[in-house]
Amino acid sequence: MKANQFGKEGWTPNRIKDLKGKTFVITGTTSGTGFEAAKILLSKGAKVVILNRNPKKAEDTIKTLKQELGNHIDVLAIKMDLAIQASIKKATEEVLKTVSQIDALICNAAIAQVPKQTLTEDGWESQMGTNYYGNFTLQALLFPLIEKSKGRIVTVGSLGYDMGIKTIKFDDLNWDKDYTPNNAYSQSKLAQIMSIYELQDRLKLAGKTEVKAYACHPGSSRTNLINTSGSFIMKFIFNLMKLSPLTQSAEKGAYPQLMCATEPNLDQKEFYGPTGRNFWTGPVGAHKLEPHAKDKMVAKRLWRLSEKETGVKWNI
């Protein structure tokens, strides 16, 4: 285990300088790590655009943030459902009309452990459709402004990338055969992380090194992720775990994405998250990524397939 570059305590938001004049776009902010990340960015003076599928919850979130930080904060909500490509296209148009720069796009929203095979309206297995294809399209459509802003793309993965079949099941991406909530979730998270390292290679090849792309994960944080979409038994197990020292606060779970969005000179090749036991909790920094997440052949094939499936081409 190499020493944490940020010292024994690891990375904390104290390192974030004044963010006045900077703009961040973040998905999934009505609870959990996304809420905490938005709050910390706003507290440092940033403008934050929050993308959520439920406008009422987004409105309540803004009220809460204003109560906690004051009415002066610059926060704006745009409706977007990551599971629906048309919704993403509409939301990105609105983002591009509304802001003149994006210093970082933080892809935080996800669904997890969907009990039964469910398809999105675009015809994909719901976890792959939301966590992977949704983010692929969102990142591609906002890329021109991120590039102009010399900004960053931050994907919030999960240790789940290492818990399923550890590759992409190209012959049955929708799990028509042998669907399990965990394998489907794991594949969606692997795809999400994989595409970030593939994006890095493509940016480098195109000489577009001013855009940075980072992959991180929140560790084991006390959030509502499993409660939102998981089965009864998963919810039961996870809610028991929340009471144990194996989990950390949602605020701490937000540190890796905040670090990837703001820390200068951060090495893109790394994978960031808590560095304690099992990488569930502990000081935030770089830690080991299993080699299957950087399988170049699989990543290239996945990228080509994604452009075909979504009909969205990256302008690299």
C-alpha atoms as a PDB file:
ATOM      1  CA  MET A   1       0.000   0.000   0.000  1.00  0.00           C
ATOM      2  CA  LYS A   2       1.638   3.244  -1.016  1.00  0.00           C
ATOM      3  CA  ALA A   3       1.488   6.256   1.254  1.00  0.00           C
ATOM      4  CA  ASN A   4      -1.487   8.571   0.792  1.00  0.00           C
ATOM      5  CA  GLN A   5      -0.336  11.646  -1.143  1.00  0.00           C
ATOM      6  CA  PHE A   6      -2.524  13.785   1.113  1.00  0.00           C
ATOM      7  CA  GLY A   7      -0.968  12.552   4.350  1.00  0.00           C
ATOM      8  CA  LYS A   8      -2.349  10.366   7.106  1.00  0.00           C
ATOM      9  CA  GLU A   9      -5.780  11.994   7.207  1.00  0.00           C
ATOM     10  CA  GLY A  10      -6.202  11.697   3.453  1.00  0.00           C
ATOM     11  CA  TRP A  11      -7.953  14.282   1.292  1.00  0.00           C
ATOM     12  CA  THR A  12     -10.543  16.516   2.990  1.00  0.00           C
ATOM     13  CA  PRO A  13     -12.592  19.491   1.711  1.00  0.00           C
ATOM     14  CA  ASN A  14     -10.338  21.873   3.684  1.00  0.00           C
ATOM     15  CA  ARG A  15      -8.104  21.680   0.630  1.00  0.00           C
ATOM     16  CA  ILE A  16     -10.751  23.275  -1.597  1.00  0.00           C
ATOM     17  CA  LYS A  17      -9.930  26.894  -2.289  1.00  0.00           C
ATOM     18  CA  ASP A  18     -12.483  29.621  -2.971  1.00  0.00           C
ATOM     19  CA  LEU A  19     -14.657  28.499  -5.908  1.00  0.00           C
ATOM     20  CA  LYS A  20     -16.206  31.840  -6.835  1.00  0.00           C
ATOM     21  CA  GLY A  21     -16.603  32.067 -10.607  1.00  0.00           C
ATOM     22  CA  LYS A  22     -16.599  28.288 -11.027  1.00  0.00           C
ATOM     23  CA  THR A  23     -19.548  26.187 -12.195  1.00  0.00           C
ATOM     24  CA  PHE A  24     -20.259  22.565 -11.323  1.00  0.00           C
ATOM     25  CA  VAL A  25     -22.957  20.309 -12.733  1.00  0.00           C
ATOM     26  CA  ILE A  26     -23.913  17.375 -10.522  1.00  0.00           C
ATOM     27  CA  THR A  27     -26.461  14.567 -10.851  1.00  0.00           C
ATOM     28  CA  GLY A  28     -28.485  12.953  -8.084  1.00  0.00           C
ATOM     29  CA  THR A  29     -28.378  15.578  -5.356  1.00  0.00           C
ATOM     30  CA  THR A  30     -31.638  15.116  -3.461  1.00  0.00           C
ATOM     31  CA  SER A  31     -29.954  12.928  -0.822  1.00  0.00           C
ATOM     32  CA  GLY A  32     -26.757  11.114   0.107  1.00  0.00           C
ATOM     33  CA  THR A  33     -23.332  11.897  -1.304  1.00  0.00           C
ATOM     34  CA  GLY A  34     -24.707  14.079  -4.116  1.00  0.00           C
ATOM     35  CA  PHE A  35     -26.475  16.360  -1.645  1.00  0.00           C
ATOM     36  CA  GLU A  36     -23.342  16.634   0.519  1.00  0.00           C
ATOM     37  CA  ALA A  37     -21.109  17.341  -2.495  1.00  0.00           C
ATOM     38  CA  ALA A  38     -23.432  20.089  -3.750  1.00  0.00           C
ATOM     39  CA  LYS A  39     -23.557  21.618  -0.275  1.00  0.00           C
ATOM     40  CA  ILE A  40     -19.762  21.717   0.105  1.00  0.00           C
ATOM     41  CA  LEU A  41     -19.258  23.215  -3.385  1.00  0.00           C
ATOM     42  CA  LEU A  42     -21.869  25.895  -2.677  1.00  0.00           C
ATOM     43  CA  SER A  43     -20.294  26.649   0.701  1.00  0.00           C
ATOM     44  CA  LYS A  44     -17.051  27.421  -1.154  1.00  0.00           C
ATOM     45  CA  GLY A  45     -18.798  29.942  -3.421  1.00  0.00           C
ATOM     46  CA  ALA A  46     -19.349  27.854  -6.554  1.00  0.00           C
ATOM     47  CA  LYS A  47     -22.358  27.978  -8.847  1.00  0.00           C
ATOM     48  CA  VAL A  48     -23.990  24.530  -8.854  1.00  0.00           C
ATOM     49  CA  VAL A  49     -26.475  23.107 -11.353  1.00  0.00           C
ATOM     50  CA  ILE A  50     -28.284  20.078  -9.941  1.00  0.00           C
ATOM     51  CA  LEU A  51     -29.804  17.474 -12.251  1.00  0.00           C
ATOM     52  CA  ASN A  52     -32.498  15.257 -10.719  1.00  0.00           C
ATOM     53  CA  ARG A  53     -35.464  13.306 -12.018  1.00  0.00           C
ATOM     54  CA  ASN A  54     -37.883  14.547  -9.333  1.00  0.00           C
ATOM     55  CA  PRO A  55     -38.485  18.341  -9.547  1.00  0.00           C
ATOM     56  CA  LYS A  56     -40.351  18.466  -6.213  1.00  0.00           C
ATOM     57  CA  LYS A  57     -37.438  16.812  -4.386  1.00  0.00           C
ATOM     58  CA  ALA A  58     -34.988  19.096  -6.182  1.00  0.00           C
ATOM     59  CA  GLU A  59     -36.990  22.127  -5.038  1.00  0.00           C
ATOM     60  CA  ASP A  60     -36.947  20.846  -1.449  1.00  0.00           C
ATOM     61  CA  THR A  61     -33.204  20.271  -1.729  1.00  0.00           C
ATOM     62  CA  ILE A  62     -32.660  23.889  -2.757  1.00  0.00           C
ATOM     63  CA  LYS A  63     -34.791  25.057   0.182  1.00  0.00           C
ATOM     64  CA  THR A  64     -32.714  22.946   2.579  1.00  0.00           C
ATOM     65  CA  LEU A  65     -29.443  24.187   1.094  1.00  0.00           C
ATOM     66  CA  LYS A  66     -30.607  27.799   1.426  1.00  0.00           C
ATOM     67  CA  GLN A  67     -31.648  27.203   5.037  1.00  0.00           C
ATOM     68  CA  GLU A  68     -28.244  25.743   5.827  1.00  0.00           C
ATOM     69  CA  LEU A  69     -26.017  28.068   3.771  1.00  0.00           C
ATOM     70  CA  GLY A  70     -28.057  31.245   3.232  1.00  0.00           C
ATOM     71  CA  ASN A  71     -30.166  32.650   0.409  1.00  0.00           C
ATOM     72  CA  HIS A  72     -27.182  34.033  -1.483  1.00  0.00           C
ATOM     73  CA  ILE A  73     -26.103  30.622  -2.846  1.00  0.00           C
ATOM     74  CA  ASP A  74     -26.103  30.191  -6.623  1.00  0.00           C
ATOM     75  CA  VAL A  75     -27.933  26.916  -7.212  1.00  0.00           C
ATOM     76  CA  LEU A  76     -30.180  25.942 -10.069  1.00  0.00           C
ATOM     77  CA  ALA A  77     -32.223  22.786 -10.673  1.00  0.00           C
ATOM     78  CA  ILE A  78     -32.825  21.202 -14.081  1.00  0.00           C
ATOM     79  CA  LYS A  79     -35.011  18.129 -14.465  1.00  0.00           C
ATOM     80  CA  MET A  80     -33.263  15.089 -15.896  1.00  0.00           C
ATOM     81  CA  ASP A  81     -33.973  11.378 -15.739  1.00  0.00           C
ATOM     82  CA  LEU A  82     -30.757   9.482 -16.387  1.00  0.00           C
ATOM     83  CA  ALA A  83     -32.769   6.425 -17.425  1.00  0.00           C
ATOM     84  CA  ILE A  84     -34.330   8.233 -20.403  1.00  0.00           C
ATOM     85  CA  GLN A  85     -32.158   9.391 -23.301  1.00  0.00           C
ATOM     86  CA  ALA A  86     -34.697  11.996 -24.467  1.00  0.00           C
ATOM     87  CA  SER A  87     -34.725  13.505 -20.969  1.00  0.00           C
ATOM     88  CA  ILE A  88     -30.908  13.721 -20.954  1.00  0.00           C
ATOM     89  CA  LYS A  89     -30.889  15.427 -24.360  1.00  0.00           C
ATOM     90  CA  LYS A  90     -33.467  17.975 -23.222  1.00  0.00           C
ATOM     91  CA  ALA A  91     -31.637  18.641 -19.946  1.00  0.00           C
ATOM     92  CA  THR A  92     -28.239  19.095 -21.603  1.00  0.00           C
ATOM     93  CA  GLU A  93     -29.726  21.610 -24.033  1.00  0.00           C
ATOM     94  CA  GLU A  94     -31.010  23.561 -21.063  1.00  0.00           C
ATOM     95  CA  VAL A  95     -27.656  23.341 -19.256  1.00  0.00           C
ATOM     96  CA  LEU A  96     -25.836  24.631 -22.347  1.00  0.00           C
ATOM     97  CA  LYS A  97     -28.298  27.533 -22.674  1.00  0.00           C
ATOM     98  CA  THR A  98     -27.995  28.390 -18.986  1.00  0.00           C
ATOM     99  CA  VAL A  99     -24.298  28.253 -18.132  1.00  0.00           C
ATOM    100  CA  SER A 100     -21.270  29.526 -20.017  1.00  0.00           C
ATOM    101  CA  GLN A 101     -18.758  27.136 -18.475  1.00  0.00           C
ATOM    102  CA  ILE A 102     -18.539  23.751 -16.726  1.00  0.00           C
ATOM    103  CA  ASP A 103     -15.519  23.347 -14.476  1.00  0.00           C
ATOM    104  CA  ALA A 104     -16.606  19.840 -13.574  1.00  0.00           C
ATOM    105  CA  LEU A 105     -19.457  17.504 -14.418  1.00  0.00           C
ATOM    106  CA  ILE A 106     -19.947  15.118 -11.494  1.00  0.00           C
ATOM    107  CA  CYS A 107     -21.843  11.970 -12.475  1.00  0.00           C
ATOM    108  CA  ASN A 108     -23.049  10.922  -9.060  1.00  0.00           C
ATOM    109  CA  ALA A 109     -26.578   9.555  -9.643  1.00  0.00           C
ATOM    110  CA  ALA A 110     -27.108   5.801  -9.923  1.00  0.00           C
ATOM    111  CA  ILE A 111     -29.587   3.034  -9.287  1.00  0.00           C
ATOM    112  CA  ALA A 112     -28.604  -0.238  -7.644  1.00  0.00           C
ATOM    113  CA  GLN A 113     -29.676  -3.829  -7.076  1.00  0.00           C
ATOM    114  CA  VAL A 114     -32.931  -3.675  -9.056  1.00  0.00           C
ATOM    115  CA  PRO A 115     -34.668  -6.905  -7.898  1.00  0.00           C
ATOM    116  CA  LYS A 116     -36.123  -8.030 -11.265  1.00  0.00           C
ATOM    117  CA  GLN A 117     -34.933  -7.497 -14.818  1.00  0.00           C
ATOM    118  CA  THR A 118     -36.466  -4.183 -15.910  1.00  0.00           C
ATOM    119  CA  LEU A 119     -35.919  -2.390 -19.211  1.00  0.00           C
ATOM    120  CA  THR A 120     -35.675   1.361 -19.732  1.00  0.00           C
ATOM    121  CA  GLU A 121     -37.906   2.958 -22.337  1.00  0.00           C
ATOM    122  CA  ASP A 122     -34.888   2.941 -24.672  1.00  0.00           C
ATOM    123  CA  GLY A 123     -34.813  -0.853 -24.336  1.00  0.00           C
ATOM    124  CA  TRP A 124     -31.798  -1.419 -22.077  1.00  0.00           C
ATOM    125  CA  GLU A 125     -31.536  -3.282 -18.773  1.00  0.00           C
ATOM    126  CA  SER A 126     -32.325  -0.556 -16.245  1.00  0.00           C
ATOM    127  CA  GLN A 127     -29.001  -0.441 -14.382  1.00  0.00           C
ATOM    128  CA  MET A 128     -26.933  -0.462 -17.574  1.00  0.00           C
ATOM    129  CA  GLY A 129     -29.333   2.030 -19.175  1.00  0.00           C
ATOM    130  CA  THR A 130     -29.173   4.447 -16.245  1.00  0.00           C
ATOM    131  CA  ASN A 131     -25.707   4.070 -14.762  1.00  0.00           C
ATOM    132  CA  TYR A 132     -23.849   3.528 -18.001  1.00  0.00           C
ATOM    133  CA  TYR A 133     -25.658   4.628 -21.182  1.00  0.00           C
ATOM    134  CA  GLY A 134     -27.242   7.570 -19.366  1.00  0.00           C
ATOM    135  CA  ASN A 135     -23.851   8.871 -18.266  1.00  0.00           C
ATOM    136  CA  PHE A 136     -22.257   8.130 -21.643  1.00  0.00           C
ATOM    137  CA  THR A 137     -24.793  10.409 -23.348  1.00  0.00           C
ATOM    138  CA  LEU A 138     -24.712  13.083 -20.649  1.00  0.00           C
ATOM    139  CA  GLN A 139     -20.917  13.325 -20.762  1.00  0.00           C
ATOM    140  CA  ALA A 140     -20.775  13.332 -24.562  1.00  0.00           C
ATOM    141  CA  LEU A 141     -23.377  16.098 -24.944  1.00  0.00           C
ATOM    142  CA  LEU A 142     -21.768  18.349 -22.324  1.00  0.00           C
ATOM    143  CA  PHE A 143     -18.237  17.583 -23.531  1.00  0.00           C
ATOM    144  CA  PRO A 144     -17.905  20.570 -25.935  1.00  0.00           C
ATOM    145  CA  LEU A 145     -18.554  23.058 -23.107  1.00  0.00           C
ATOM    146  CA  ILE A 146     -16.390  21.088 -20.653  1.00  0.00           C
ATOM    147  CA  GLU A 147     -13.603  21.179 -23.243  1.00  0.00           C
ATOM    148  CA  LYS A 148     -14.037  24.912 -23.792  1.00  0.00           C
ATOM    149  CA  SER A 149     -13.875  25.397 -20.011  1.00  0.00           C
ATOM    150  CA  LYS A 150     -10.814  23.091 -19.654  1.00  0.00           C
ATOM    151  CA  GLY A 151     -13.025  21.266 -17.193  1.00  0.00           C
ATOM    152  CA  ARG A 152     -13.327  17.785 -15.764  1.00  0.00           C
ATOM    153  CA  ILE A 153     -15.579  14.772 -15.987  1.00  0.00           C
ATOM    154  CA  VAL A 154     -15.914  12.856 -12.728  1.00  0.00           C
ATOM    155  CA  THR A 155     -17.649   9.509 -12.656  1.00  0.00           C
ATOM    156  CA  VAL A 156     -18.734   8.099  -9.316  1.00  0.00           C
ATOM    157  CA  GLY A 157     -18.272   4.370  -9.676  1.00  0.00           C
ATOM    158  CA  SER A 158     -18.617   1.703  -7.046  1.00  0.00           C
ATOM    159  CA  LEU A 159     -16.637  -1.188  -5.612  1.00  0.00           C
ATOM    160  CA  GLY A 160     -19.416  -3.211  -7.247  1.00  0.00           C
ATOM    161  CA  TYR A 161     -17.285  -3.101 -10.418  1.00  0.00           C
ATOM    162  CA  ASP A 162     -15.292  -5.937  -8.851  1.00  0.00           C
ATOM    163  CA  MET A 163     -18.178  -8.014  -7.526  1.00  0.00           C
ATOM    164  CA  GLY A 164     -19.888  -9.456 -10.588  1.00  0.00           C
ATOM    165  CA  ILE A 165     -18.686 -11.243 -13.718  1.00  0.00           C
ATOM    166  CA  LYS A 166     -15.786  -8.766 -14.106  1.00  0.00           C
ATOM    167  CA  THR A 167     -16.311  -8.164 -17.797  1.00  0.00           C
ATOM    168  CA  ILE A 168     -19.014  -6.934 -20.185  1.00  0.00           C
ATOM    169  CA  LYS A 169     -21.478  -9.580 -21.279  1.00  0.00           C
ATOM    170  CA  PHE A 170     -21.692  -8.447 -24.902  1.00  0.00           C
ATOM    171  CA  ASP A 171     -23.763 -11.439 -26.021  1.00  0.00           C
ATOM    172  CA  ASP A 172     -26.529 -10.645 -23.498  1.00  0.00           C
ATOM    173  CA  LEU A 173     -26.185  -7.075 -22.247  1.00  0.00           C
ATOM    174  CA  ASN A 174     -29.783  -6.996 -21.052  1.00  0.00           C
ATOM    175  CA  TRP A 175     -29.447 -10.189 -18.994  1.00  0.00           C
ATOM    176  CA  ASP A 176     -32.341 -11.918 -20.732  1.00  0.00           C
ATOM    177  CA  LYS A 177     -30.746 -15.085 -19.356  1.00  0.00           C
ATOM    178  CA  ASP A 178     -29.786 -15.513 -15.683  1.00  0.00           C
ATOM    179  CA  TYR A 179     -30.477 -11.944 -14.477  1.00  0.00           C
ATOM    180  CA  THR A 180     -29.274 -11.224 -10.957  1.00  0.00           C
ATOM    181  CA  PRO A 181     -29.506  -7.754  -9.379  1.00  0.00           C
ATOM    182  CA  ASN A 182     -25.860  -7.862  -8.357  1.00  0.00           C
ATOM    183  CA  ASN A 183     -24.379  -8.996 -11.680  1.00  0.00           C
ATOM    184  CA  ALA A 184     -26.365  -6.407 -13.625  1.00  0.00           C
ATOM    185  CA  TYR A 185     -25.417  -3.617 -11.193  1.00  0.00           C
ATOM    186  CA  SER A 186     -21.793  -4.708 -11.187  1.00  0.00           C
ATOM    187  CA  GLN A 187     -21.610  -4.723 -14.984  1.00  0.00           C
ATOM    188  CA  SER A 188     -23.126  -1.219 -15.186  1.00  0.00           C
ATOM    189  CA  LYS A 189     -20.545   0.111 -12.726  1.00  0.00           C
ATOM    190  CA  LEU A 190     -17.661  -1.660 -14.448  1.00  0.00           C
ATOM    191  CA  ALA A 191     -18.772  -0.145 -17.764  1.00  0.00           C
ATOM    192  CA  GLN A 192     -18.993   3.294 -16.175  1.00  0.00           C
ATOM    193  CA  ILE A 193     -15.456   3.138 -14.762  1.00  0.00           C
ATOM    194  CA  MET A 194     -14.020   1.470 -17.853  1.00  0.00           C
ATOM    195  CA  SER A 195     -15.324   4.215 -20.134  1.00  0.00           C
ATOM    196  CA  ILE A 196     -13.501   6.892 -18.097  1.00  0.00           C
ATOM    197  CA  TYR A 197     -10.098   5.283 -18.706  1.00  0.00           C
ATOM    198  CA  GLU A 198     -11.009   4.751 -22.362  1.00  0.00           C
ATOM    199  CA  LEU A 199     -11.979   8.450 -22.540  1.00  0.00           C
ATOM    200  CA  GLN A 200      -8.581   9.411 -21.080  1.00  0.00           C
ATOM    201  CA  ASP A 201      -6.831   7.456 -23.855  1.00  0.00           C
ATOM    202  CA  ARG A 202      -9.001   9.049 -26.535  1.00  0.00           C
ATOM    203  CA  LEU A 203      -8.391  12.561 -25.195  1.00  0.00           C
ATOM    204  CA  LYS A 204      -4.656  11.920 -25.122  1.00  0.00           C
ATOM    205  CA  LEU A 205      -4.697  10.586 -28.670  1.00  0.00           C
ATOM    206  CA  ALA A 206      -6.580  13.670 -29.866  1.00  0.00           C
ATOM    207  CA  GLY A 207      -4.190  15.983 -28.012  1.00  0.00           C
ATOM    208  CA  LYS A 208      -7.068  17.242 -25.849  1.00  0.00           C
ATOM    209  CA  THR A 209      -5.245  16.893 -22.557  1.00  0.00           C
ATOM    210  CA  GLU A 210      -6.789  19.983 -20.999  1.00  0.00           C
ATOM    211  CA  VAL A 211      -9.947  18.010 -20.253  1.00  0.00           C
ATOM    212  CA  LYS A 212      -9.440  15.660 -17.319  1.00  0.00           C
ATOM    213  CA  ALA A 213     -11.502  12.536 -16.604  1.00  0.00           C
ATOM    214  CA  TYR A 214     -11.555  10.846 -13.204  1.00  0.00           C
ATOM    215  CA  ALA A 215     -13.062   7.716 -11.676  1.00  0.00           C
ATOM    216  CA  CYS A 216     -13.789   7.433  -7.969  1.00  0.00           C
ATOM    217  CA  HIS A 217     -16.182   5.706  -5.571  1.00  0.00           C
ATOM    218  CA  PRO A 218     -17.769   6.672  -2.225  1.00  0.00           C
ATOM    219  CA  GLY A 219     -16.806   3.558  -0.264  1.00  0.00           C
ATOM    220  CA  SER A 220     -19.526   2.207   1.954  1.00  0.00           C
ATOM    221  CA  SER A 221     -21.580   5.277   2.808  1.00  0.00           C
ATOM    222  CA  ARG A 222     -24.853   5.668   4.638  1.00  0.00           C
ATOM    223  CA  THR A 223     -27.010   6.754   1.707  1.00  0.00           C
ATOM    224  CA  ASN A 224     -30.410   5.866   0.261  1.00  0.00           C
ATOM    225  CA  LEU A 225     -29.079   4.145  -2.846  1.00  0.00           C
ATOM    226  CA  ILE A 226     -30.111   0.611  -1.904  1.00  0.00           C
ATOM    227  CA  ASN A 227     -33.318   1.834  -0.273  1.00  0.00           C
ATOM    228  CA  THR A 228     -34.367   3.457  -3.523  1.00  0.00           C
ATOM    229  CA  SER A 229     -34.149   0.462  -5.820  1.00  0.00           C
ATOM    230  CA  GLY A 230     -32.954  -2.656  -3.976  1.00  0.00           C
ATOM    231  CA  SER A 231     -34.904  -5.738  -2.945  1.00  0.00           C
ATOM    232  CA  PHE A 232     -36.298  -6.139   0.584  1.00  0.00           C
ATOM    233  CA  ILE A 233     -33.456  -8.419   1.704  1.00  0.00           C
ATOM    234  CA  MET A 234     -30.764  -6.089   0.324  1.00  0.00           C
ATOM    235  CA  LYS A 235     -32.404  -3.170   2.116  1.00  0.00           C
ATOM    236  CA  PHE A 236     -32.513  -5.188   5.334  1.00  0.00           C
ATOM    237  CA  ILE A 237     -28.822  -6.138   5.129  1.00  0.00           C
ATOM    238  CA  PHE A 238     -27.716  -2.664   4.142  1.00  0.00           C
ATOM    239  CA  ASN A 239     -29.736  -0.963   6.872  1.00  0.00           C
ATOM    240  CA  LEU A 240     -28.125  -3.267   9.440  1.00  0.00           C
ATOM    241  CA  MET A 241     -24.709  -2.425   8.011  1.00  0.00           C
ATOM    242  CA  LYS A 242     -25.454   1.269   8.404  1.00  0.00           C
ATOM    243  CA  LEU A 243     -25.331   0.765  12.153  1.00  0.00           C
ATOM    244  CA  SER A 244     -21.887  -0.811  12.043  1.00  0.00           C
ATOM    245  CA  PRO A 245     -18.382   0.705  11.833  1.00  0.00           C
ATOM    246  CA  LEU A 246     -18.192  -0.728   8.295  1.00  0.00           C
ATOM    247  CA  THR A 247     -19.907   2.361   6.942  1.00  0.00           C
ATOM    248  CA  GLN A 248     -19.196   6.082   6.978  1.00  0.00           C
ATOM    249  CA  SER A 249     -21.298   9.238   6.682  1.00  0.00           C
ATOM    250  CA  ALA A 250     -22.687  10.391   3.337  1.00  0.00           C
ATOM    251  CA  GLU A 251     -20.592  13.533   3.774  1.00  0.00           C
ATOM    252  CA  LYS A 252     -17.383  11.474   3.871  1.00  0.00           C
ATOM    253  CA  GLY A 253     -18.711   9.471   0.937  1.00  0.00           C
ATOM    254  CA  ALA A 254     -18.775  12.741  -1.019  1.00  0.00           C
ATOM    255  CA  TYR A 255     -15.063  13.457  -0.491  1.00  0.00           C
ATOM    256  CA  PRO A 256     -13.732  11.364  -3.423  1.00  0.00           C
ATOM    257  CA  GLN A 257     -15.954  13.097  -5.992  1.00  0.00           C
ATOM    258  CA  LEU A 258     -15.178  16.518  -4.545  1.00  0.00           C
ATOM    259  CA  MET A 259     -11.474  15.776  -4.684  1.00  0.00           C
ATOM    260  CA  CYS A 260     -11.698  14.648  -8.321  1.00  0.00           C
ATOM    261  CA  ALA A 261     -13.684  17.781  -9.198  1.00  0.00           C
ATOM    262  CA  THR A 262     -11.417  20.337  -7.505  1.00  0.00           C
ATOM    263  CA  GLU A 263      -7.957  19.083  -6.545  1.00  0.00           C
ATOM    264  CA  PRO A 264      -5.249  20.501  -8.845  1.00  0.00           C
ATOM    265  CA  ASN A 265      -2.720  18.158 -10.505  1.00  0.00           C
ATOM    266  CA  LEU A 266      -4.520  14.954  -9.628  1.00  0.00           C
ATOM    267  CA  ASP A 267      -3.278  11.878 -11.507  1.00  0.00           C
ATOM    268  CA  GLN A 268      -6.040  10.672 -13.848  1.00  0.00           C
ATOM    269  CA  LYS A 269      -4.693   7.147 -14.084  1.00  0.00           C
ATOM    270  CA  GLU A 270      -5.598   6.431 -10.460  1.00  0.00           C
ATOM    271  CA  PHE A 271      -8.880   5.252  -8.930  1.00  0.00           C
ATOM    272  CA  TYR A 272      -9.925   7.309  -5.914  1.00  0.00           C
ATOM    273  CA  GLY A 273     -11.865   6.498  -2.758  1.00  0.00           C
ATOM    274  CA  PRO A 274     -11.481   5.574   0.918  1.00  0.00           C
ATOM    275  CA  THR A 275      -8.207   3.714   1.490  1.00  0.00           C
ATOM    276  CA  GLY A 276      -9.043   1.901   4.750  1.00  0.00           C
ATOM    277  CA  ARG A 277      -9.941  -1.748   5.224  1.00  0.00           C
ATOM    278  CA  ASN A 278     -11.637  -3.195   2.095  1.00  0.00           C
ATOM    279  CA  PHE A 279     -11.664   0.413   0.779  1.00  0.00           C
ATOM    280  CA  TRP A 280     -15.057   0.873   2.481  1.00  0.00           C
ATOM    281  CA  THR A 281     -14.044   3.668   4.836  1.00  0.00           C
ATOM    282  CA  GLY A 282     -10.911   5.534   5.843  1.00  0.00           C
ATOM    283  CA  PRO A 283      -8.733   8.377   4.534  1.00  0.00           C
ATOM    284  CA  VAL A 284      -9.496   9.359   0.938  1.00  0.00           C
ATOM    285  CA  GLY A 285      -6.815   8.914  -1.693  1.00  0.00           C
ATOM    286  CA  ALA A 286      -5.719   6.747  -4.616  1.00  0.00           C
ATOM    287  CA  HIS A 287      -6.112   2.995  -4.366  1.00  0.00           C
ATOM    288  CA  LYS A 288      -5.760  -0.161  -6.375  1.00  0.00           C
ATOM    289  CA  LEU A 289      -8.002  -0.752  -9.383  1.00  0.00           C
ATOM    290  CA  GLU A 290      -8.329  -4.340 -10.543  1.00  0.00           C
ATOM    291  CA  PRO A 291      -6.857  -4.873 -14.042  1.00  0.00           C
ATOM    292  CA  HIS A 292     -10.152  -6.023 -15.596  1.00  0.00           C
ATOM    293  CA  ALA A 293     -11.403  -2.423 -15.317  1.00  0.00           C
ATOM    294  CA  LYS A 294      -8.668  -1.310 -17.720  1.00  0.00           C
ATOM    295  CA  ASP A 295      -9.060  -4.118 -20.269  1.00  0.00           C
ATOM    296  CA  LYS A 296      -8.367  -2.145 -23.443  1.00  0.00           C
ATOM    297  CA  MET A 297      -9.993  -4.579 -25.886  1.00  0.00           C
ATOM    298  CA  VAL A 298     -13.231  -4.699 -23.905  1.00  0.00           C
ATOM    299  CA  ALA A 299     -13.230  -0.921 -23.345  1.00  0.00           C
ATOM    300  CA  LYS A 300     -12.822  -0.135 -27.063  1.00  0.00           C
ATOM    301  CA  ARG A 301     -15.546  -2.566 -28.017  1.00  0.00           C
ATOM    302  CA  LEU A 302     -17.856  -1.114 -25.355  1.00  0.00           C
ATOM    303  CA  TRP A 303     -17.230   2.458 -26.580  1.00  0.00           C
ATOM    304  CA  ARG A 304     -18.045   1.568 -30.191  1.00  0.00           C
ATOM    305  CA  LEU A 305     -21.177  -0.261 -29.085  1.00  0.00           C
ATOM    306  CA  SER A 306     -22.236   2.672 -26.887  1.00  0.00           C
ATOM    307  CA  GLU A 307     -22.009   5.164 -29.745  1.00  0.00           C
ATOM    308  CA  LYS A 308     -24.098   2.796 -31.848  1.00  0.00           C
ATOM    309  CA  GLU A 309     -26.694   2.082 -29.122  1.00  0.00           C
ATOM    310  CA  THR A 310     -27.160   5.705 -28.000  1.00  0.00           C
ATOM    311  CA  GLY A 311     -26.660   7.243 -31.436  1.00  0.00           C
ATOM    312  CA  VAL A 312     -24.434   9.795 -29.695  1.00  0.00           C
ATOM    313  CA  LYS A 313     -20.927  10.454 -31.007  1.00  0.00           C
ATOM    314  CA  TRP A 314     -18.276  12.127 -28.895  1.00  0.00           C
ATOM    315  CA  ASN A 315     -16.763  15.160 -30.538  1.00  0.00           C
ATOM    316  CA  ILE A 316     -13.136  14.208 -29.785  1.00  0.00           C
END
